[in-house]
Protein backbone atom coordinates (compact mmCIF):
# COMPACT_ATOMS: atom_id res chain seq x y z
CA MET A 1 84.37 53.36 41.37
CA ARG A 2 84.45 49.69 42.38
CA PHE A 3 86.87 48.89 39.58
CA VAL A 4 89.58 50.84 41.42
CA MET A 5 89.73 48.10 44.03
CA LYS A 6 90.71 45.63 41.32
CA PHE A 7 93.49 47.87 40.05
CA ARG A 8 96.41 45.90 41.47
CA TYR A 9 94.84 42.65 40.38
CA CYS A 10 94.53 43.94 36.82
CA ILE A 11 98.10 45.26 36.85
CA LEU A 12 99.38 41.81 37.78
CA ILE A 13 97.33 40.11 35.08
CA LEU A 14 98.33 42.54 32.33
CA LEU A 15 102.04 42.74 33.08
CA LEU A 16 102.44 39.02 33.58
CA ALA A 17 100.42 38.29 30.46
CA LEU A 18 102.91 40.38 28.52
CA GLY A 19 105.63 38.02 29.66
CA LEU A 20 103.61 34.99 28.59
CA ASN A 21 102.82 36.47 25.19
CA THR A 22 106.46 37.33 24.66
CA PHE A 23 107.44 33.70 25.07
CA MET A 24 104.56 32.31 23.00
CA GLY A 25 105.48 34.65 20.16
CA CYS A 26 108.99 33.22 20.03
CA GLU A 27 107.70 30.11 18.33
CA LYS A 28 106.91 32.13 15.19
CA GLN A 29 110.17 34.05 14.98
CA THR A 30 112.49 33.87 12.02
CA ARG A 31 116.19 33.22 12.36
CA TYR A 32 116.80 36.98 12.14
CA ASP A 33 114.38 38.08 14.85
CA GLN A 34 116.82 37.62 17.72
CA LYS A 35 119.77 39.00 15.78
CA ILE A 36 121.31 42.05 17.43
CA VAL A 37 121.09 45.23 15.34
CA ALA A 38 122.67 47.61 17.87
CA THR A 39 124.48 47.64 21.21
CA ILE A 40 125.07 50.39 23.76
CA GLU A 41 127.96 50.04 26.19
CA SER A 42 128.21 46.34 25.24
CA ASP A 43 125.57 45.20 27.74
CA TYR A 44 122.42 46.81 26.30
CA LYS A 45 121.28 45.11 23.11
CA ILE A 46 118.53 45.87 20.61
CA SER A 47 117.34 42.86 18.64
CA PHE A 48 115.52 42.96 15.35
CA THR A 49 112.41 41.79 17.26
CA ASP A 50 112.68 44.84 19.55
CA LEU A 51 113.14 47.13 16.56
CA ASN A 52 110.32 45.60 14.55
CA LYS A 53 107.92 45.99 17.48
CA TYR A 54 108.95 49.62 17.95
CA VAL A 55 108.49 50.36 14.24
CA HIS A 56 104.89 49.14 14.39
CA ASP A 57 104.05 50.47 17.85
CA GLU A 58 105.18 53.96 16.84
CA PHE A 59 103.80 53.70 13.26
CA TYR A 60 107.15 54.24 11.54
CA HIS A 61 105.99 51.78 8.88
CA ARG A 62 103.20 54.23 8.01
CA ARG A 63 105.09 57.46 8.52
CA PHE A 64 107.80 56.64 5.96
CA ARG A 65 107.32 55.28 2.47
CA ASP A 66 110.77 53.72 2.36
CA LYS A 67 111.09 50.64 4.59
CA ASN A 68 114.83 51.05 5.16
CA GLU A 69 114.34 54.65 6.21
CA ALA A 70 111.50 53.69 8.57
CA TYR A 71 113.63 51.10 10.36
CA THR A 72 116.76 53.26 10.40
CA ARG A 73 114.93 56.22 11.91
CA ALA A 74 113.18 53.98 14.45
CA LEU A 75 116.50 52.42 15.48
CA ASN A 76 118.04 55.86 15.90
CA GLU A 77 115.19 56.92 18.18
CA MET A 78 115.42 53.70 20.20
CA ILE A 79 119.13 54.34 20.73
CA LEU A 80 118.58 57.95 21.80
CA ASN A 81 115.79 56.93 24.17
CA GLN A 82 118.01 54.31 25.77
CA LEU A 83 120.89 56.76 26.05
CA ARG A 84 118.62 59.15 27.94
CA CYS A 85 117.59 56.37 30.32
CA ILE A 86 121.19 55.35 30.93
CA ASP A 87 122.31 58.94 31.49
CA PHE A 88 119.35 59.57 33.82
CA PHE A 89 120.87 57.07 36.25
CA GLU A 90 124.50 57.84 35.41
CA THR A 91 124.03 61.51 36.38
CA GLY A 92 122.21 60.56 39.60
CA LEU A 93 118.82 61.97 38.68
CA HIS A 94 117.23 58.80 40.05
CA ASN A 95 118.33 59.93 43.52
CA ASP A 96 116.37 63.19 43.27
CA GLN A 97 113.33 62.21 45.32
CA GLN A 98 111.41 65.34 44.42
CA LEU A 99 111.87 64.58 40.73
CA ILE A 100 111.09 60.87 41.16
CA GLN A 101 107.89 61.77 43.00
CA ASN A 102 106.34 62.26 39.55
CA ILE A 103 106.73 58.55 38.73
CA ARG A 104 106.75 57.02 42.21
CA ARG A 105 103.31 55.45 41.78
CA LEU A 106 104.43 53.76 38.55
CA ILE A 107 107.60 52.44 40.19
CA ASN A 108 105.53 51.08 43.06
CA GLU A 109 103.23 49.27 40.65
CA GLU A 110 106.30 47.52 39.27
CA LEU A 111 107.41 46.68 42.80
CA ILE A 112 104.11 44.96 43.53
CA VAL A 113 104.41 42.88 40.36
CA LYS A 114 108.01 42.00 41.21
CA TYR A 115 107.05 41.01 44.77
CA PHE A 116 104.22 38.81 43.47
CA GLU A 117 106.48 37.12 40.92
CA SER A 118 109.35 36.57 43.34
CA GLU A 119 107.48 35.56 46.51
CA TYR A 120 104.52 33.67 45.00
CA LEU A 121 104.66 32.80 41.32
CA SER A 122 108.33 31.79 41.41
CA LYS A 123 107.46 28.87 43.71
CA TYR A 124 105.89 27.25 40.65
CA THR A 125 108.20 28.52 37.93
CA ASN A 126 111.68 27.91 39.32
CA GLU A 127 113.91 25.24 37.78
CA GLU A 128 113.68 22.85 40.74
CA PHE A 129 109.88 22.80 40.64
CA ALA A 130 109.95 22.46 36.85
CA ARG A 131 112.27 19.43 37.11
CA ASN A 132 109.95 17.78 39.62
CA ILE A 133 107.01 18.31 37.27
CA TYR A 134 109.09 17.14 34.31
CA ASN A 135 109.65 13.80 36.06
CA GLN A 136 105.87 13.25 36.12
CA LEU A 137 105.25 14.03 32.45
CA GLY A 138 106.62 10.95 30.69
CA LYS A 139 103.30 9.35 29.86
CA GLU A 140 100.24 9.35 27.62
CA VAL A 141 96.82 8.90 29.21
CA TYR A 142 94.05 7.20 27.18
CA TYR A 143 90.48 7.61 28.37
CA GLN A 144 86.78 7.56 27.55
CA GLN A 145 84.16 9.90 28.90
CA ILE A 146 80.42 10.28 29.21
CA VAL A 147 79.24 13.89 29.28
CA ILE A 148 76.06 15.03 31.02
CA ASN A 149 75.43 18.62 30.04
CA LYS A 150 73.92 21.07 32.52
CA PRO A 151 71.09 23.09 30.96
CA LYS A 152 71.52 26.85 30.96
CA ASN A 153 69.93 28.40 34.06
CA ALA A 154 69.29 24.93 35.49
CA SER A 155 67.41 24.78 38.80
CA GLU A 156 68.80 23.11 41.92
CA THR A 157 66.37 20.23 41.38
CA GLN A 158 67.61 19.70 37.83
CA LEU A 159 71.25 19.77 38.92
CA GLU A 160 70.58 17.29 41.72
CA ALA A 161 68.93 14.92 39.22
CA LEU A 162 71.91 15.17 36.85
CA GLU A 163 74.36 14.59 39.68
CA LYS A 164 72.36 11.53 40.77
CA GLN A 165 72.47 10.20 37.22
CA ALA A 166 76.27 10.72 37.04
CA LEU A 167 76.68 8.86 40.36
CA GLU A 168 74.55 5.98 39.10
CA ILE A 169 76.68 5.62 35.96
CA LYS A 170 79.89 5.67 38.01
CA ALA A 171 78.49 3.13 40.46
CA LYS A 172 77.74 0.72 37.62
CA ALA A 173 81.25 1.20 36.23
CA ASP A 174 82.80 0.67 39.68
CA LYS A 175 80.91 -2.66 39.96
CA GLY A 176 82.51 -3.90 36.77
CA ALA A 177 80.05 -2.86 34.09
CA ASN A 178 81.66 -2.67 30.67
CA PHE A 179 82.24 1.03 29.94
CA ASP A 180 81.57 0.55 26.22
CA GLU A 181 78.18 -0.92 27.12
CA LEU A 182 77.53 2.04 29.42
CA LEU A 183 78.35 4.34 26.54
CA ASN A 184 75.89 2.51 24.30
CA GLN A 185 73.25 2.30 27.02
CA TYR A 186 73.23 5.98 27.88
CA SER A 187 73.59 6.92 24.25
CA GLU A 188 70.37 5.05 23.53
CA ILE A 189 68.42 7.01 26.15
CA GLY A 190 69.53 10.26 24.55
CA LEU A 191 72.36 11.32 26.82
CA GLU A 192 74.07 14.23 25.06
CA ASN A 193 77.65 14.28 23.84
CA THR A 194 78.45 10.68 24.70
CA ASP A 195 81.91 10.07 23.30
CA HIS A 196 82.39 6.48 22.03
CA SER A 197 85.99 7.09 20.96
CA THR A 198 89.16 6.91 23.00
CA SER A 199 90.99 10.18 23.61
CA MET A 200 94.61 10.76 24.58
CA ILE A 201 96.28 13.46 26.69
CA ASP A 202 100.05 13.99 26.65
CA TRP A 203 102.04 16.45 28.75
CA ARG A 204 101.54 19.42 26.44
CA SER A 205 97.78 18.99 26.13
CA SER A 206 97.55 18.41 29.88
CA PHE A 207 98.30 22.11 30.35
CA ALA A 208 95.47 23.17 28.04
CA SER A 209 92.81 23.16 30.78
CA PRO A 210 92.14 22.12 34.40
CA HIS A 211 89.94 19.35 32.93
CA ASN A 212 92.90 17.87 31.05
CA ARG A 213 95.24 18.24 34.03
CA VAL A 214 92.94 16.21 36.29
CA ILE A 215 92.63 13.42 33.72
CA PHE A 216 96.39 13.38 33.10
CA ASN A 217 97.02 12.69 36.78
CA LEU A 218 94.55 9.76 37.09
CA ASN A 219 95.72 6.14 37.18
CA GLU A 220 94.89 3.30 34.82
CA GLY A 221 91.50 1.77 35.65
CA GLU A 222 90.38 4.78 37.67
CA ILE A 223 86.86 6.11 37.19
CA ARG A 224 86.15 9.66 38.25
CA ILE A 225 83.28 12.17 38.07
CA LEU A 226 84.34 15.72 37.19
CA ASP A 227 81.78 18.31 38.23
CA GLU A 228 82.41 21.31 35.98
CA TYR A 229 80.49 24.47 35.20
CA HIS A 230 78.74 23.23 32.05
CA ALA A 231 78.61 19.48 32.59
CA TYR A 232 79.32 16.34 34.60
CA TYR A 233 82.02 14.14 33.11
CA ILE A 234 82.33 10.44 33.92
CA ILE A 235 85.95 9.63 33.07
CA ASN A 236 87.29 6.10 32.54
CA ILE A 237 91.09 5.75 32.32
CA ILE A 238 91.73 2.77 30.06
CA ASP A 239 95.51 2.98 29.67
CA VAL A 240 98.56 4.97 30.85
CA LYS A 241 101.57 4.47 28.58
CA LYS A 242 105.08 5.44 29.57
CA ILE A 243 106.96 7.46 26.94
CA ASN A 244 110.42 8.94 26.57
CA LEU A 245 110.33 12.71 27.01
CA GLU A 246 112.55 15.20 25.24
CA PRO A 247 115.53 16.26 27.39
CA PHE A 248 114.65 18.71 30.18
CA GLU A 249 116.93 21.46 28.88
CA LYS A 250 115.29 21.33 25.47
CA ILE A 251 111.76 21.91 26.78
CA LYS A 252 112.59 23.86 29.96
CA LYS A 253 111.51 27.29 28.67
CA GLU A 254 108.28 25.93 27.22
CA LEU A 255 107.51 23.99 30.40
CA ILE A 256 108.17 26.96 32.68
CA SER A 257 105.96 29.12 30.47
CA LYS A 258 103.14 26.59 30.83
CA LEU A 259 103.70 26.37 34.58
CA ARG A 260 103.60 30.15 34.78
CA GLU A 261 100.23 30.20 33.06
CA THR A 262 98.86 27.20 34.96
CA TYR A 263 99.80 28.38 38.46
CA TYR A 264 99.18 32.07 37.93
CA TYR A 265 95.75 32.16 39.55
CA THR A 266 96.86 29.81 42.32
CA SER A 267 99.69 32.24 43.08
CA LEU A 268 97.36 35.21 42.86
CA ASN A 269 94.94 33.64 45.35
CA GLU A 270 97.81 33.01 47.76
CA TYR A 271 98.98 36.59 47.32
CA ASP A 272 95.49 37.99 47.95
CA ARG A 273 95.05 35.78 51.01
CA ASP A 274 98.28 37.01 52.57
CA LYS A 275 97.60 40.62 51.61
CA ASN A 276 94.17 40.52 53.22
CA ASN A 277 95.75 39.16 56.42
CA LEU A 278 98.30 41.97 56.73
CA PHE A 279 96.21 43.53 59.50
CA ASP A 280 93.02 42.74 61.35
CA PRO A 281 90.05 44.36 59.55
CA ASN A 282 88.18 44.34 62.86
CA SER A 283 90.74 46.78 64.28
CA LEU A 284 89.71 49.56 61.89
CA ASN A 285 88.31 52.65 63.60
CA TRP A 286 87.02 55.22 61.11
CA ASN A 287 86.58 58.94 61.75
CA GLU A 288 83.16 59.52 60.21
CA LYS A 289 83.51 63.33 60.12
CA THR A 290 86.76 63.13 58.14
CA LEU A 291 85.23 60.61 55.75
CA ASP A 292 82.32 63.00 55.21
CA GLN A 293 84.79 65.81 54.48
CA LEU A 294 86.62 63.64 51.91
CA ILE A 295 83.30 62.74 50.26
CA GLU A 296 82.41 66.44 50.10
CA TRP A 297 85.75 67.32 48.51
CA ALA A 298 85.28 64.50 45.99
CA GLN A 299 82.26 66.33 44.58
CA ILE A 300 84.61 68.98 43.18
CA PRO A 301 85.05 68.31 39.43
CA GLU A 302 88.46 66.76 38.62
CA PHE A 303 89.26 66.52 42.33
CA TYR A 304 91.23 63.27 42.29
CA PRO A 305 93.27 63.62 39.12
CA ASP A 306 94.65 67.03 40.12
CA ILE A 307 92.90 69.23 42.67
CA TYR A 308 93.26 66.87 45.65
CA LYS A 309 96.92 67.87 46.15
CA ASP A 310 96.26 71.58 46.71
CA THR A 311 93.15 70.91 48.81
CA LEU A 312 94.81 68.43 51.18
CA GLN A 313 98.02 70.46 51.45
CA ALA A 314 96.02 73.60 52.31
CA ALA A 315 94.11 71.77 55.05
CA ILE A 316 97.34 70.34 56.51
CA ALA A 317 99.08 73.76 56.39
CA ASP A 318 96.06 75.23 58.17
CA GLY A 319 96.60 72.83 61.07
CA ARG A 320 93.75 70.53 60.05
CA ASN A 321 95.66 67.26 59.60
CA LEU A 322 92.53 65.27 60.33
CA THR A 323 92.68 61.61 61.31
CA ILE A 324 90.85 59.33 58.87
CA LEU A 325 91.53 55.92 60.33
CA THR A 326 93.23 54.22 63.26
CA TYR A 327 94.03 50.51 63.16
CA SER A 328 96.28 47.89 64.74
CA GLU A 329 99.35 49.06 62.78
CA GLY A 330 98.95 52.83 63.24
CA GLN A 331 96.80 55.60 61.80
CA ILE A 332 96.01 57.35 58.52
CA ASP A 333 95.64 61.13 58.61
CA LEU A 334 95.35 63.62 55.75
CA LYS A 335 99.13 63.86 55.38
CA GLU A 336 99.49 60.09 55.08
CA TYR A 337 96.43 59.91 52.82
CA LEU A 338 98.06 62.47 50.52
CA ARG A 339 101.20 60.32 50.37
CA LEU A 340 99.15 57.21 49.57
CA LEU A 341 97.43 59.05 46.71
CA ASN A 342 100.71 60.40 45.34
CA GLU A 343 102.75 57.23 45.65
CA ILE A 344 100.54 54.16 45.95
CA LEU A 345 97.06 54.30 44.46
CA ILE A 346 94.82 56.97 42.96
CA LEU A 347 91.06 57.12 42.80
CA SER A 348 89.35 57.68 39.49
CA ASN A 349 87.58 60.98 39.17
CA SER A 350 84.04 60.44 40.40
CA ARG A 351 81.48 62.69 41.98
CA ASP A 352 79.50 59.56 42.90
CA LEU A 353 82.05 58.36 45.47
CA ASP A 354 80.32 56.80 48.47
CA LYS A 355 81.71 56.15 51.92
CA LYS A 356 82.01 52.36 51.55
CA THR A 357 84.01 52.69 48.32
CA LEU A 358 86.28 55.29 49.92
CA GLN A 359 86.89 53.02 52.91
CA ASP A 360 87.67 50.05 50.66
CA PHE A 361 90.04 52.20 48.64
CA ILE A 362 91.96 53.39 51.69
CA VAL A 363 92.29 49.83 53.03
CA GLU A 364 93.56 48.65 49.63
CA ALA A 365 96.07 51.51 49.49
CA VAL A 366 97.36 50.74 53.00
CA ARG A 367 97.77 47.04 52.20
CA SER A 368 99.53 47.85 48.93
CA ASP A 369 101.84 50.23 50.80
CA ILE A 370 102.85 47.42 53.17
CA ILE A 371 103.57 45.11 50.20
CA ILE A 372 105.69 47.82 48.58
CA ARG A 373 107.76 48.27 51.74
CA LYS A 374 108.31 44.51 51.87
CA ALA A 375 109.49 44.63 48.23
CA GLN A 376 111.85 47.52 49.00
CA ASP A 377 113.26 45.69 52.01
CA LEU A 378 114.06 42.76 49.70
CA GLY A 379 116.00 45.11 47.41
CA PHE A 380 113.57 44.81 44.51
CA GLU A 381 113.55 48.51 43.63
CA LYS A 382 116.93 48.21 41.92
CA GLU A 383 115.49 45.35 39.87
CA VAL A 384 112.53 47.34 38.55
CA PHE A 385 113.85 50.91 38.48
CA HIS A 386 116.96 50.84 36.34
CA PRO A 387 118.11 52.19 32.95
CA ARG A 388 117.38 48.98 31.08
CA THR A 389 113.75 48.55 32.11
CA LYS A 390 111.55 46.73 29.60
CA ASN A 391 108.46 48.54 30.85
CA THR A 392 107.89 51.01 28.03
CA VAL A 393 105.58 53.22 30.09
CA LEU A 394 108.21 53.57 32.81
CA GLN A 395 110.92 54.12 30.19
CA TYR A 396 108.96 56.97 28.60
CA LYS A 397 108.39 58.54 32.02
CA ILE A 398 112.12 58.39 32.75
CA ILE A 399 112.86 60.00 29.38
CA ASP A 400 110.30 62.71 30.08
CA LEU A 401 111.92 63.54 33.42
CA TYR A 402 115.36 63.54 31.79
CA ASN A 403 114.13 65.96 29.12
CA GLN A 404 112.64 68.23 31.77
CA VAL A 405 116.02 68.53 33.51
CA MET A 406 118.41 68.44 30.57
CA ILE A 407 116.40 70.34 27.96
CA GLU A 408 113.31 72.17 29.18
CA SER A 409 114.98 73.72 32.22
CA LYS A 410 117.62 75.26 29.92
CA ILE A 411 115.23 76.95 27.50
CA PRO A 412 115.47 80.77 27.86
CA GLU A 413 112.51 82.66 29.23
CA PRO A 414 110.29 83.89 26.35
CA THR A 415 110.12 87.55 27.40
CA ASN A 416 109.03 90.37 25.10
CA ALA A 417 112.67 91.28 24.49
CA THR A 418 113.82 87.73 23.71
CA LEU A 419 110.83 87.17 21.44
CA ARG A 420 111.48 90.34 19.44
CA GLU A 421 115.13 89.37 19.14
CA PHE A 422 114.06 85.89 18.00
CA TYR A 423 111.74 87.46 15.40
CA GLN A 424 114.50 89.59 13.94
CA ALA A 425 116.88 86.63 13.76
CA ASN A 426 114.31 84.49 11.93
CA LYS A 427 112.46 87.17 10.00
CA ASP A 428 113.78 86.09 6.61
CA SER A 429 113.30 82.37 7.18
CA LEU A 430 110.80 81.20 9.74
CA TYR A 431 108.61 84.27 9.35
CA TYR A 432 108.77 84.67 5.61
CA GLN A 433 105.52 83.14 4.36
CA LEU A 434 105.94 81.19 1.13
CA GLU A 435 103.05 80.83 -1.25
CA LYS A 436 101.14 77.70 -0.30
CA ILE A 437 98.27 75.64 -1.73
CA ASN A 438 96.08 73.25 0.27
CA LEU A 439 94.66 70.81 -2.26
CA PHE A 440 91.91 68.20 -2.17
CA ALA A 441 92.65 65.36 -4.59
CA MET A 442 90.65 62.32 -5.67
CA VAL A 443 93.20 59.96 -7.24
CA TYR A 444 92.35 56.89 -9.33
CA PRO A 445 94.46 54.18 -10.97
CA ASP A 446 91.64 53.75 -13.54
CA LYS A 447 91.11 56.68 -15.89
CA SER A 448 87.46 55.78 -16.51
CA GLU A 449 86.71 56.20 -12.78
CA ALA A 450 88.31 59.64 -12.81
CA GLU A 451 86.26 60.53 -15.90
CA LYS A 452 83.03 59.56 -14.11
CA THR A 453 83.88 61.78 -11.17
CA TRP A 454 84.88 64.67 -13.41
CA ALA A 455 81.65 64.33 -15.38
CA LYS A 456 79.62 64.62 -12.17
CA ILE A 457 81.41 67.84 -11.25
CA GLN A 458 80.91 69.32 -14.73
CA ALA A 459 77.22 68.47 -14.43
CA GLY A 460 76.95 70.58 -11.27
CA THR A 461 77.80 68.18 -8.43
CA SER A 462 80.11 69.69 -5.83
CA PHE A 463 83.61 68.28 -5.49
CA GLU A 464 82.82 66.97 -2.01
CA GLU A 465 79.68 65.16 -3.21
CA ALA A 466 81.22 63.78 -6.39
CA GLY A 467 83.38 61.24 -4.57
CA ASN A 468 83.45 59.58 -1.17
CA ARG A 469 87.18 59.85 -0.47
CA TRP A 470 89.90 62.37 -1.13
CA PHE A 471 93.42 63.19 0.01
CA VAL A 472 94.70 66.46 1.42
CA LYS A 473 97.97 67.53 -0.21
CA THR A 474 99.92 70.73 0.45
CA PHE A 475 102.43 72.41 -1.85
CA ILE A 476 104.68 75.43 -1.45
CA LYS A 477 106.61 77.54 -3.95
CA ASP A 478 110.02 78.61 -2.69
CA ARG A 479 111.68 81.93 -3.46
CA ASP A 480 113.28 80.45 -6.55
CA GLY A 481 109.87 79.43 -7.87
CA GLN A 482 110.40 75.71 -7.26
CA ILE A 483 107.28 73.80 -6.22
CA LYS A 484 107.67 71.28 -3.39
CA SER A 485 105.47 69.02 -1.33
CA TYR A 486 105.00 70.49 2.15
CA LEU A 487 105.83 68.24 5.13
CA SER A 488 105.87 65.21 2.84
CA LYS A 489 108.49 63.32 0.89
CA GLU A 490 106.08 62.53 -1.91
CA PRO A 491 107.14 64.23 -5.17
CA PRO A 492 104.89 67.20 -6.05
CA TYR A 493 103.03 65.32 -8.81
CA LEU A 494 100.05 67.68 -8.63
CA GLY A 495 101.99 70.83 -7.72
CA GLN A 496 101.99 72.52 -11.13
CA ALA A 497 98.27 71.94 -11.58
CA ALA A 498 97.57 73.14 -8.02
CA PHE A 499 99.23 76.52 -8.49
CA LYS A 500 97.13 77.18 -11.62
CA LEU A 501 93.97 77.21 -9.48
CA GLN A 502 92.39 79.95 -7.46
CA GLU A 503 90.73 79.16 -4.15
CA SER A 504 87.68 76.83 -4.57
CA GLU A 505 88.44 76.12 -8.26
CA VAL A 506 88.50 72.52 -9.50
CA ASP A 507 90.34 70.82 -12.34
CA GLY A 508 90.63 67.44 -13.99
CA ILE A 509 91.72 65.13 -15.27
CA ILE A 510 95.40 65.47 -14.16
CA GLU A 511 97.57 62.58 -15.32
CA TYR A 512 100.89 61.62 -13.73
CA THR A 513 103.00 58.51 -13.12
CA ASP A 514 103.88 57.24 -9.66
CA PRO A 515 106.97 54.95 -9.84
CA GLU A 516 105.36 52.54 -7.38
CA LYS A 517 101.70 52.72 -8.43
CA GLY A 518 102.02 53.42 -12.15
CA PRO A 519 99.73 55.80 -14.09
CA GLN A 520 97.41 57.85 -11.86
CA TYR A 521 94.47 60.11 -12.70
CA ALA A 522 93.38 62.92 -10.39
CA VAL A 523 90.49 65.33 -9.94
CA ILE A 524 91.56 68.27 -7.75
CA LYS A 525 90.20 71.26 -5.83
CA CYS A 526 92.10 74.22 -4.38
CA ALA A 527 90.89 74.29 -0.78
CA LYS A 528 93.03 77.24 0.33
CA ARG A 529 95.62 79.53 -1.23
CA THR A 530 98.02 81.37 1.05
CA PRO A 531 99.93 84.28 -0.57
CA GLU A 532 103.66 84.90 -0.33
CA LYS A 533 104.51 87.70 2.09
CA GLN A 534 106.79 88.91 4.86
CA LEU A 535 105.04 88.34 8.21
CA SER A 536 105.21 91.20 10.68
CA TYR A 537 105.75 90.77 14.41
CA ALA A 538 102.06 91.51 14.92
CA ASP A 539 101.17 88.67 12.49
CA VAL A 540 103.06 86.09 14.56
CA GLN A 541 102.55 87.48 18.05
CA LYS A 542 100.14 84.69 19.08
CA SER A 543 102.44 81.86 17.97
CA ILE A 544 105.95 83.20 18.39
CA ALA A 545 106.31 82.07 22.02
CA ASP A 546 105.63 78.49 20.97
CA ASP A 547 108.03 78.87 18.03
CA PHE A 548 110.67 80.23 20.39
CA ILE A 549 110.30 77.33 22.84
CA LYS A 550 110.31 74.73 20.04
CA TYR A 551 113.37 76.28 18.43
CA HIS A 552 115.38 76.15 21.63
CA TRP A 553 114.03 72.71 22.57
CA ASP A 554 115.22 71.36 19.22
CA ARG A 555 118.57 73.13 19.51
CA ILE A 556 119.30 71.90 23.04
CA SER A 557 118.00 68.42 22.17
CA ARG A 558 120.50 68.15 19.30
CA GLU A 559 123.30 69.16 21.66
CA VAL A 560 122.17 66.61 24.24
CA ASN A 561 121.96 63.89 21.61
CA GLN A 562 125.47 64.60 20.38
CA ASN A 563 126.85 64.67 23.92
CA LEU A 564 125.23 61.32 24.66
CA ARG A 565 126.64 59.77 21.50
CA ASN A 566 130.10 61.03 22.47
CA LYS A 567 129.76 59.83 26.06
CA TYR A 568 128.63 56.24 25.46
CA ARG A 569 129.82 53.48 23.13
CA ILE A 570 127.29 52.67 20.41
CA LYS A 571 127.58 50.00 17.75
CA VAL A 572 125.02 49.62 14.94
CA TYR A 573 125.17 46.44 12.85
CA ASP A 574 123.98 47.76 9.50
CA ASN A 575 124.62 44.47 7.73
CA VAL A 576 122.41 42.56 10.16
CA LEU A 577 119.61 45.10 9.77
CA THR A 578 119.87 44.96 5.97
CA GLU A 579 119.77 41.15 5.95
CA ALA A 580 116.88 41.03 8.42
CA LEU A 581 114.83 43.47 6.36
CA ALA A 582 115.51 41.48 3.22
CA ALA A 583 114.47 38.27 4.99
CA ALA A 584 111.22 39.84 6.16
CA GLY A 585 109.97 39.56 2.58
CA LYS A 586 107.50 41.47 0.52
CA ASP A 587 104.58 40.57 2.77
CA ASP A 588 105.96 42.81 5.51
CA LYS A 589 106.48 45.78 3.23
CA PRO A 590 104.77 48.77 4.84
CA SER A 591 101.98 50.54 3.00
CA PRO A 592 102.93 53.85 1.37
CA VAL A 593 102.07 56.94 3.36
CA ALA A 594 99.08 58.83 2.01
CA LYS A 595 98.23 62.15 3.56
CA GLY A 596 94.53 62.54 3.23
CA ALA A 597 91.13 62.88 4.80
CA GLN A 598 88.24 60.47 4.64
CA LYS A 599 85.02 62.20 3.93
């Protein structure tokens, strides 16, 4: 349960790290990565980088054998997703507070991150601060160092002796002792990691570690002891050379990225300090009986993910809006606690919740709530909750709410009458069962390997034991007798052989040619054979409600998609996409899809 108290801290680290990684990845981009492949309403742009990330995040490169098809389908889905987000705000759904309640906690998480970035981190990442730092970077610092390692699990006595030794070395250097001689002297007595060479730190390497930053800011002739976790370092600055830096505008983005990383924890400590001072912790007055009641409720399985809402609402409706806490800024009762859970912070499900953890959680939620109100007062909500959000989790939540309103709410009720009507309308299509074969196939590019497997089976070894890997392939025979692959675009190479088998029968060796892989050799087993027949209403009664809902969801979704395409201006740059895919090269070619099961 303690990890819950670090939730906001982790959110800040993860979301800000995404921003850092985005910049660092830019160094490896090709000239096509930032090319625009589509625009919506002129101001929303999809780059090839965005598309490529989506293709891999959503596994389009594995779902489709053809690379062009994978990217085209992914781009189409990205466009439709963005259109839903835009229309969500355009139609005013974002003003429906009851609807937004479902994602309020996620929006508030974004508000906290925005507040931290704007009020704390930005002090160290704005252009003015970056220019001031830039003016201090035009140098190279040359130094020598003597390293005194601290043994693992060293005692206080050992550490004091090492510190004394480091002070003695520095004292000799301060009195004019030649540092090279000190290096030789302490090297001779076995001092570890004595570095006889001269090292250099420039502005880029100065951002690599706090150790480097301290050295970079020392003056020529200065001798300093650095007391670090693993060692004492005696540093001797032998030269500071002035250099001509690249123009500020050329390195501004890189510099700000390094400043963002360097001052992140400084900013976070300042943020935590101010957050902890939002109210006096000594003013807290807890109602022990209410805390005991909350602990008792927490023992109910799945209480905090779901059940807490009904339980707290029932108590409040029953006139038991119990006070949990009073403090200098007000009080927290069950009604306010319910709001905090719904909108600010949620506990993990735990039947081991103790009173101290619950108290810490409530205090954290109250402090976070104050921060969120500050962010809202500064107008940050419009900056985090908008149709062009880059937060994919928030985007998907917005799309889900849009679909609930625009699609799901319009699906007819699946009553007995509507289901029977649906059955009659689809009796000859959806509910006509074609003959189908589920096939296990071990496929080899080497005929001798297939022969070995087939020999094992003929000698009495079961299909499943004869090989350690096989694919699952499914074939159907339509009413015209044509064999097709089922739910796959792969040609039915093994279809004819499959339909010659009865259930559990095996066959081999089946030879065929795959245009991409060349000659292939297969050993097959008919896992299941489903006969052709007209399904009755009784046959489909358990699944027809789901079929009905899916049918209407798909139908309404197509209508919504078309309306969105008619409503908003969309431009797809097919030539840019084609060129970008060609430039990606053969190394990026996605692996062919193989439907199968590992044993």
